[in-house]
C-alpha atoms as a PDB file:
ATOM      1  CA  MET A   1     231.616 101.839 107.298  1.00  0.00           C
ATOM      2  CA  VAL A   2     232.195 103.555 110.654  1.00  0.00           C
ATOM      3  CA  ASN A   3     230.381 100.618 112.251  1.00  0.00           C
ATOM      4  CA  THR A   4     233.079  98.189 111.077  1.00  0.00           C
ATOM      5  CA  ARG A   5     236.170 100.228 111.951  1.00  0.00           C
ATOM      6  CA  PRO A   6     238.568  98.678 114.519  1.00  0.00           C
ATOM      7  CA  LEU A   7     240.567 100.842 116.923  1.00  0.00           C
ATOM      8  CA  LEU A   8     243.310  99.284 119.047  1.00  0.00           C
ATOM      9  CA  THR A   9     244.364 100.681 122.417  1.00  0.00           C
ATOM     10  CA  PRO A  10     246.200  99.183 125.393  1.00  0.00           C
ATOM     11  CA  SER A  11     244.071  96.811 127.412  1.00  0.00           C
ATOM     12  CA  ARG A  12     243.072  97.795 130.929  1.00  0.00           C
ATOM     13  CA  LEU A  13     245.320  96.966 133.877  1.00  0.00           C
ATOM     14  CA  GLY A  14     242.602  94.714 135.324  1.00  0.00           C
ATOM     15  CA  ASP A  15     242.078  92.703 132.129  1.00  0.00           C
ATOM     16  CA  PRO A  16     242.838  88.947 132.258  1.00  0.00           C
ATOM     17  CA  VAL A  17     246.302  87.530 131.715  1.00  0.00           C
ATOM     18  CA  GLN A  18     246.969  86.225 128.202  1.00  0.00           C
ATOM     19  CA  LYS A  19     249.555  83.719 127.064  1.00  0.00           C
ATOM     20  CA  VAL A  20     251.891  84.449 124.176  1.00  0.00           C
ATOM     21  CA  PHE A  21     253.960  81.758 122.428  1.00  0.00           C
ATOM     22  CA  PHE A  22     256.784  82.199 119.930  1.00  0.00           C
ATOM     23  CA  GLN A  23     257.964  79.656 117.355  1.00  0.00           C
ATOM     24  CA  GLU A  24     261.081  78.798 119.376  1.00  0.00           C
ATOM     25  CA  GLY A  25     258.848  77.671 122.236  1.00  0.00           C
ATOM     26  CA  ASN A  26     259.309  80.762 124.406  1.00  0.00           C
ATOM     27  CA  ALA A  27     256.162  81.616 126.344  1.00  0.00           C
ATOM     28  CA  PHE A  28     255.193  84.820 128.142  1.00  0.00           C
ATOM     29  CA  ARG A  29     252.400  85.805 130.526  1.00  0.00           C
ATOM     30  CA  LEU A  30     250.947  89.083 129.370  1.00  0.00           C
ATOM     31  CA  GLU A  31     248.991  90.967 132.022  1.00  0.00           C
ATOM     32  CA  GLY A  32     246.406  93.608 131.197  1.00  0.00           C
ATOM     33  CA  GLY A  33     247.788  97.008 130.138  1.00  0.00           C
ATOM     34  CA  ARG A  34     251.302  95.614 129.927  1.00  0.00           C
ATOM     35  CA  GLY A  35     253.832  94.433 127.411  1.00  0.00           C
ATOM     36  CA  PHE A  36     257.349  93.054 127.260  1.00  0.00           C
ATOM     37  CA  VAL A  37     260.623  93.553 125.439  1.00  0.00           C
ATOM     38  CA  GLU A  38     262.843  90.579 126.304  1.00  0.00           C
ATOM     39  CA  PHE A  39     266.241  89.484 124.984  1.00  0.00           C
ATOM     40  CA  ASP A  40     266.980  85.749 124.924  1.00  0.00           C
ATOM     41  CA  ASP A  41     270.728  85.095 125.222  1.00  0.00           C
ATOM     42  CA  GLY A  42     270.285  81.542 123.929  1.00  0.00           C
ATOM     43  CA  THR A  43     268.578  82.393 120.637  1.00  0.00           C
ATOM     44  CA  GLY A  44     269.769  85.998 120.308  1.00  0.00           C
ATOM     45  CA  ALA A  45     266.170  87.018 119.619  1.00  0.00           C
ATOM     46  CA  VAL A  46     264.328  89.978 121.070  1.00  0.00           C
ATOM     47  CA  TYR A  47     260.697  89.156 121.850  1.00  0.00           C
ATOM     48  CA  ILE A  48     258.150  91.966 122.020  1.00  0.00           C
ATOM     49  CA  GLY A  49     254.473  91.861 122.951  1.00  0.00           C
ATOM     50  CA  MET A  50     251.595  94.061 124.113  1.00  0.00           C
ATOM     51  CA  SER A  51     248.175  93.412 125.607  1.00  0.00           C
ATOM     52  CA  LEU A  52     245.594  95.276 123.511  1.00  0.00           C
ATOM     53  CA  ARG A  53     241.885  96.076 123.493  1.00  0.00           C
ATOM     54  CA  ASN A  54     239.771  96.736 120.403  1.00  0.00           C
ATOM     55  CA  VAL A  55     237.511  99.661 121.343  1.00  0.00           C
ATOM     56  CA  GLY A  56     236.168  99.899 117.781  1.00  0.00           C
ATOM     57  CA  GLN A  57     233.243  98.094 116.191  1.00  0.00           C
ATOM     58  CA  GLY A  58     235.052  95.920 113.648  1.00  0.00           C
ATOM     59  CA  ILE A  59     237.406  92.988 113.980  1.00  0.00           C
ATOM     60  CA  GLY A  60     240.982  94.317 114.081  1.00  0.00           C
ATOM     61  CA  VAL A  61     243.448  92.316 111.983  1.00  0.00           C
ATOM     62  CA  ILE A  62     247.103  93.266 112.466  1.00  0.00           C
ATOM     63  CA  HIS A  63     249.044  93.464 109.181  1.00  0.00           C
ATOM     64  CA  GLY A  64     252.441  94.857 110.166  1.00  0.00           C
ATOM     65  CA  TRP A  65     254.613  96.630 112.726  1.00  0.00           C
ATOM     66  CA  TRP A  66     257.664  98.767 113.279  1.00  0.00           C
ATOM     67  CA  PHE A  67     259.944  98.998 116.344  1.00  0.00           C
ATOM     68  CA  ARG A  68     262.003 101.933 117.618  1.00  0.00           C
ATOM     69  CA  GLU A  69     263.981 102.163 120.819  1.00  0.00           C
ATOM     70  CA  GLY A  70     263.014 105.222 122.841  1.00  0.00           C
ATOM     71  CA  ARG A  71     260.237 107.684 122.218  1.00  0.00           C
ATOM     72  CA  GLU A  72     259.250 108.568 118.652  1.00  0.00           C
ATOM     73  CA  LEU A  73     258.097 112.169 118.645  1.00  0.00           C
ATOM     74  CA  THR A  74     257.598 112.634 114.912  1.00  0.00           C
ATOM     75  CA  PRO A  75     253.946 113.596 114.383  1.00  0.00           C
ATOM     76  CA  GLN A  76     253.995 112.535 110.713  1.00  0.00           C
ATOM     77  CA  ARG A  77     252.237 109.346 109.778  1.00  0.00           C
ATOM     78  CA  PRO A  78     254.688 106.485 109.136  1.00  0.00           C
ATOM     79  CA  ASP A  79     254.906 105.050 105.612  1.00  0.00           C
ATOM     80  CA  PRO A  80     252.813 101.844 105.534  1.00  0.00           C
ATOM     81  CA  ASP A  81     255.238 100.329 102.999  1.00  0.00           C
ATOM     82  CA  SER A  82     258.056 100.467 105.582  1.00  0.00           C
ATOM     83  CA  PHE A  83     256.324  98.116 108.030  1.00  0.00           C
ATOM     84  CA  ARG A  84     257.414  94.551 108.754  1.00  0.00           C
ATOM     85  CA  VAL A  85     254.782  92.050 107.670  1.00  0.00           C
ATOM     86  CA  GLN A  86     253.067  90.339 110.605  1.00  0.00           C
ATOM     87  CA  GLN A  87     254.136  86.681 110.378  1.00  0.00           C
ATOM     88  CA  ILE A  88     251.121  85.195 112.185  1.00  0.00           C
ATOM     89  CA  ASP A  89     247.469  86.093 111.914  1.00  0.00           C
ATOM     90  CA  LEU A  90     246.432  88.181 114.913  1.00  0.00           C
ATOM     91  CA  ALA A  91     242.854  89.393 115.150  1.00  0.00           C
ATOM     92  CA  ILE A  92     241.083  91.133 118.007  1.00  0.00           C
ATOM     93  CA  ALA A  93     237.288  91.042 118.148  1.00  0.00           C
ATOM     94  CA  GLN A  94     235.256  94.185 118.812  1.00  0.00           C
ATOM     95  CA  ASN A  95     235.051  95.156 122.487  1.00  0.00           C
ATOM     96  CA  ASP A  96     237.493  92.395 123.389  1.00  0.00           C
ATOM     97  CA  ILE A  97     241.113  91.968 124.380  1.00  0.00           C
ATOM     98  CA  GLY A  98     243.909  90.369 122.430  1.00  0.00           C
ATOM     99  CA  TYR A  99     247.584  90.874 121.937  1.00  0.00           C
ATOM    100  CA  TRP A 100     250.301  91.712 119.471  1.00  0.00           C
ATOM    101  CA  GLU A 101     253.613  89.892 119.287  1.00  0.00           C
ATOM    102  CA  GLY A 102     256.734  90.348 117.214  1.00  0.00           C
ATOM    103  CA  ALA A 103     260.349  89.184 117.294  1.00  0.00           C
ATOM    104  CA  LEU A 104     263.664  90.471 116.023  1.00  0.00           C
ATOM    105  CA  ARG A 105     265.781  87.364 115.379  1.00  0.00           C
ATOM    106  CA  ASP A 106     268.439  88.588 112.934  1.00  0.00           C
ATOM    107  CA  SER A 107     271.366  90.317 114.653  1.00  0.00           C
ATOM    108  CA  GLY A 108     272.055  92.096 111.330  1.00  0.00           C
ATOM    109  CA  ASP A 109     268.620  93.724 111.386  1.00  0.00           C
ATOM    110  CA  PRO A 110     268.992  97.508 111.906  1.00  0.00           C
ATOM    111  CA  CYS A 111     266.437  97.373 114.755  1.00  0.00           C
ATOM    112  CA  HIS A 112     267.980  94.398 116.563  1.00  0.00           C
ATOM    113  CA  ALA A 113     270.798  96.230 118.383  1.00  0.00           C
ATOM    114  CA  SER A 114     268.502  99.024 119.541  1.00  0.00           C
ATOM    115  CA  ALA A 115     265.922  96.476 120.744  1.00  0.00           C
ATOM    116  CA  VAL A 116     268.606  94.655 122.749  1.00  0.00           C
ATOM    117  CA  GLN A 117     269.642  98.023 124.191  1.00  0.00           C
ATOM    118  CA  ALA A 118     266.032  98.781 125.200  1.00  0.00           C
ATOM    119  CA  THR A 119     265.981  95.551 127.249  1.00  0.00           C
ATOM    120  CA  LYS A 120     269.103  96.632 129.147  1.00  0.00           C
ATOM    121  CA  GLU A 121     268.209 100.276 129.833  1.00  0.00           C
ATOM    122  CA  THR A 122     267.014 100.962 133.374  1.00  0.00           C
ATOM    123  CA  GLY A 123     264.372 103.348 132.053  1.00  0.00           C
ATOM    124  CA  GLY A 124     263.608 101.211 129.026  1.00  0.00           C
ATOM    125  CA  LEU A 125     261.375 102.864 126.465  1.00  0.00           C
ATOM    126  CA  ALA A 126     260.184 101.549 123.097  1.00  0.00           C
ATOM    127  CA  THR A 127     257.815 102.747 120.387  1.00  0.00           C
ATOM    128  CA  ILE A 128     255.766 100.261 118.354  1.00  0.00           C
ATOM    129  CA  ASP A 129     253.719 101.293 115.328  1.00  0.00           C
ATOM    130  CA  LEU A 130     250.982  98.801 114.422  1.00  0.00           C
ATOM    131  CA  LEU A 131     249.353  98.667 110.988  1.00  0.00           C
ATOM    132  CA  TYR A 132     245.939  97.020 111.028  1.00  0.00           C
ATOM    133  CA  GLY A 133     242.518  97.085 109.436  1.00  0.00           C
ATOM    134  CA  ASP A 134     239.184  95.350 109.360  1.00  0.00           C
ATOM    135  CA  TYR A 135     238.587  91.732 108.408  1.00  0.00           C
ATOM    136  CA  ASP A 136     238.279  92.604 104.702  1.00  0.00           C
ATOM    137  CA  GLY A 137     241.589  94.510 104.607  1.00  0.00           C
ATOM    138  CA  GLY A 138     240.000  97.971 104.608  1.00  0.00           C
ATOM    139  CA  GLN A 139     239.611 100.670 107.243  1.00  0.00           C
ATOM    140  CA  ARG A 140     243.400 100.693 107.695  1.00  0.00           C
ATOM    141  CA  VAL A 141     244.877 102.440 110.721  1.00  0.00           C
ATOM    142  CA  ILE A 142     248.343 102.940 112.174  1.00  0.00           C
ATOM    143  CA  SER A 143     248.418 103.193 115.959  1.00  0.00           C
ATOM    144  CA  ARG A 144     251.574 104.315 117.740  1.00  0.00           C
ATOM    145  CA  MET A 145     252.069 102.565 121.071  1.00  0.00           C
ATOM    146  CA  MET A 146     254.748 103.190 123.640  1.00  0.00           C
ATOM    147  CA  LEU A 147     256.156 100.688 126.133  1.00  0.00           C
ATOM    148  CA  ARG A 148     257.841 101.987 129.296  1.00  0.00           C
ATOM    149  CA  ARG A 149     259.617  99.801 131.823  1.00  0.00           C
ATOM    150  CA  VAL A 150     258.630 100.569 135.399  1.00  0.00           C
ATOM    151  CA  TYR A 151     259.936  99.154 138.638  1.00  0.00           C
ATOM    152  CA  ALA A 152     257.801  98.116 141.586  1.00  0.00           C
ATOM    153  CA  GLU A 153     258.363  99.704 144.977  1.00  0.00           C
ATOM    154  CA  ASP A 154     259.083  96.184 146.217  1.00  0.00           C
ATOM    155  CA  SER A 155     262.549  95.553 144.755  1.00  0.00           C
ATOM    156  CA  ASP A 156     261.985  91.768 144.903  1.00  0.00           C
ATOM    157  CA  ARG A 157     259.456  92.004 142.073  1.00  0.00           C
ATOM    158  CA  PRO A 158     260.756  92.189 138.494  1.00  0.00           C
ATOM    159  CA  PRO A 159     260.103  95.309 136.431  1.00  0.00           C
ATOM    160  CA  THR A 160     257.120  95.426 134.096  1.00  0.00           C
ATOM    161  CA  TRP A 161     256.446  97.255 130.841  1.00  0.00           C
ATOM    162  CA  LEU A 162     253.342  99.471 130.711  1.00  0.00           C
ATOM    163  CA  VAL A 163     251.658 100.238 127.380  1.00  0.00           C
ATOM    164  CA  THR A 164     250.130 103.530 126.303  1.00  0.00           C
ATOM    165  CA  VAL A 165     248.776 104.753 122.978  1.00  0.00           C
ATOM    166  CA  VAL A 166     250.275 107.910 121.502  1.00  0.00           C
ATOM    167  CA  ARG A 167     248.413 108.478 118.244  1.00  0.00           C
ATOM    168  CA  HIS A 168     246.176 106.946 115.563  1.00  0.00           C
ATOM    169  CA  TRP A 169     246.374 107.663 111.812  1.00  0.00           C
ATOM    170  CA  ASN A 170     243.632 106.670 109.366  1.00  0.00           C
ATOM    171  CA  LEU A 171     245.041 105.561 106.015  1.00  0.00           C
ATOM    172  CA  ASP A 172     241.916 105.196 103.915  1.00  0.00           C
ATOM    173  CA  ARG A 173     240.247 108.531 104.650  1.00  0.00           C
ATOM    174  CA  PRO A 174     241.364 112.100 105.358  1.00  0.00           C
ATOM    175  CA  ASP A 175     243.007 112.805 108.707  1.00  0.00           C
ATOM    176  CA  PRO A 176     240.660 114.986 110.778  1.00  0.00           C
ATOM    177  CA  ARG A 177     243.686 116.859 112.193  1.00  0.00           C
ATOM    178  CA  GLU A 178     244.728 118.041 108.710  1.00  0.00           C
ATOM    179  CA  ARG A 179     242.087 120.558 107.623  1.00  0.00           C
END
């Protein structure tokens, strides 16, 4: 089964630009190794996305996600039952790039206010946990990604969000770090 296991990481900075569309019609250009956390005053929604690469050997199908403003330092594996269900089918082929997208549209959602705050912070920082597995629903993994807003030396250019991976947890087999 190791030959069918997906493993998602940030894409490389030189990877091609991808386009991301949301149901309201909002569209984003997603450059390699980057992401976004954007608040839309008109809809009140916070749109989040990341450019990813599947470095594993199986097709990676994203099942769910969780958002936190700031850096999540807890080394314990998140509870898979606490994840938001991914509303659209997102799959990333082996040795290929793809993306993840999510939105927080309900202002009453406990994560909404902190997501809006992350878009306004000068040193914006967000943690995204992704729950995914292979095409058959097995080989489940949670990968913790972090988005950090950085500013270009040229102040005329808008800031960008860089993506990094923090940790991976296997759900369907023992964790090699716990012996």
